[in-house]
Amino acid sequence: MRKLLLALPLVAGASWAGTTYVSSSQTQPAYDKLLSQLNQLEPLQFVSESYNKGFMQSTAITKVRWLGDDGSEPIFRLKHVVDHSPVGVDNAGARVGANSVTTTLIIEDMNPEVAAALAGQDPITLHTRVDLSGNTFNNLELASLSANDGEKSIEFEGGNFEFITDSNGHVQGEGSTLPLQMSGSDGWELRIEESPLSLDMHYIADALYSGVVDWKLPGITASNQYMGLDISLRDLHVYSATELENNFLKSGVSLAVGHLDSPIPVNSLNWEFYMAGMPLDGMIEYQRLYRERFEQTSDNTNPEDMLGQVLETYKALLAPGFTAKNTLDVGNDGGDINTEISLSFLGDGSDSGFEYMSSVRDVLSSMAINAKVDADVQAVNMTPLAMFAYSPPASSFIINDGSKFTADLTFQDLLLYANGETHDIIEQFGLAAMLEQPLDFLGRY
């Protein structure tokens, strides 16, 4: 549902953008385009239940099901009301433009208790207005909700987001979810403060966007009065950025927690994951293959063939020069712990990087892996990591000078380069026979 909430205004804006004709015959193709683009949101499937064409107004119902579950009842349904007149009044107020579209989640499909808690409000409402230049102005409203059955209670104050989409697929928007509070008779209580979100994105293809998404969560608290447990997270920040350069994607996501107050020995945290060199055509192919695999419902697939299909799917994402890096920085009363691990796909010398691969040796030779550690000893001593850091296997590769744990390890060309020293770990651990294992055991590779 969360994925749909973000994607619906993006996809709806792009689908209705440019629909400047005051005619029901011109808006039905836009609705078909909406379904086509929403159907790229695995693992959901969007199917038209009805489209009723009118002179001044048309309506449509969209069923939403799990992908591959064609015979099931829908998870929920969306209702779209399209006003065609260039000047008029709709649920969002007076308007001047080519048309307006109101999309709502049909409340009759919801759990009766949830429907009652909404007090007659539409749970999700998306107002989309198309101006005469083909730009769309989208307002997404999340209804407030209040419920208490004596065992558990929830209070959600709602949310509001506004997005502008032009006919070239550029989307800008911002908004926020208002405070949410939940509690139960088991003593648990959760509160999430108002959380703003902004984005600036460009449509690429097949539900792919470049640009940035910036989400701030000023505070989350959780407590249990019976367990004497209190957890507080302050200044959370989720940020993602994607660029398209020469038909290759660069993408990164980060999570920062400015302050953490909990029983675990962590005061702050910063995690980042970054990828570069991913071919755009490969990502589109990956989505196509993923959808094909998801739609396969037969239980008679040979396990080797199934594993081979999975590998074939992920191969589409890789090309020589692909890199991925993961960093994690943690702070506590003892100091800082900084870790980094990266992987580079070098390929096998062919254009695809896979053509000549036939053994485990070929796979391991096609990549380089680097890991770095820079941590204060006192910070490590306060965590379960200390058991690993002081173990004999780790002490062979991690330097402890009394105040710092450091390591710089690189695995490349089947050799391990550890802190300036070279180790033949294939020979050391007797792995030579395994390297000659053909890839046939993985299925069709």
Foldseek 3Di string as FASTA:
>chain_A
DVVCLVVVVLLLQQLQFPQQALAQVSCVSSVVSSQVLVCLPPQKHKDWPDWAGDNQKIKTKIFIPGAQPVPDHGQWMKIKMKGQDQWDADPVGTHGARIKIKIFTDLVSDDPQFSVQLVPDGQWIWIWGAHNQRKIKIKIKGGWGWDDPPFKIKTFHIWIKIWIAHNQQWIWIKIWGAKIWMDGPQQKIKIWHIKMKIWTWGDDDSPDIFTKIKIWTQKMWMDGPVVRWIKIFGTWIWMKGWDADPQKIKIKIKIWTCAIDGPAQFGIKIKMKIKTGFGNQLVVQLSVLVSVLSNDPDPPDDQLANLQSVVVSCLSRDFQFIKMKIWMWTAGPQGIKIKMKMKGFHAQPDRSSPPPAWWLLSVLQRMKMKMKIKDFPRSCVRHPNVVVCPDPVNCVQWDDPPTITIWIWMQHPCWIQIPNDIDNVCVVVVVVVRRGHTCCSNPND
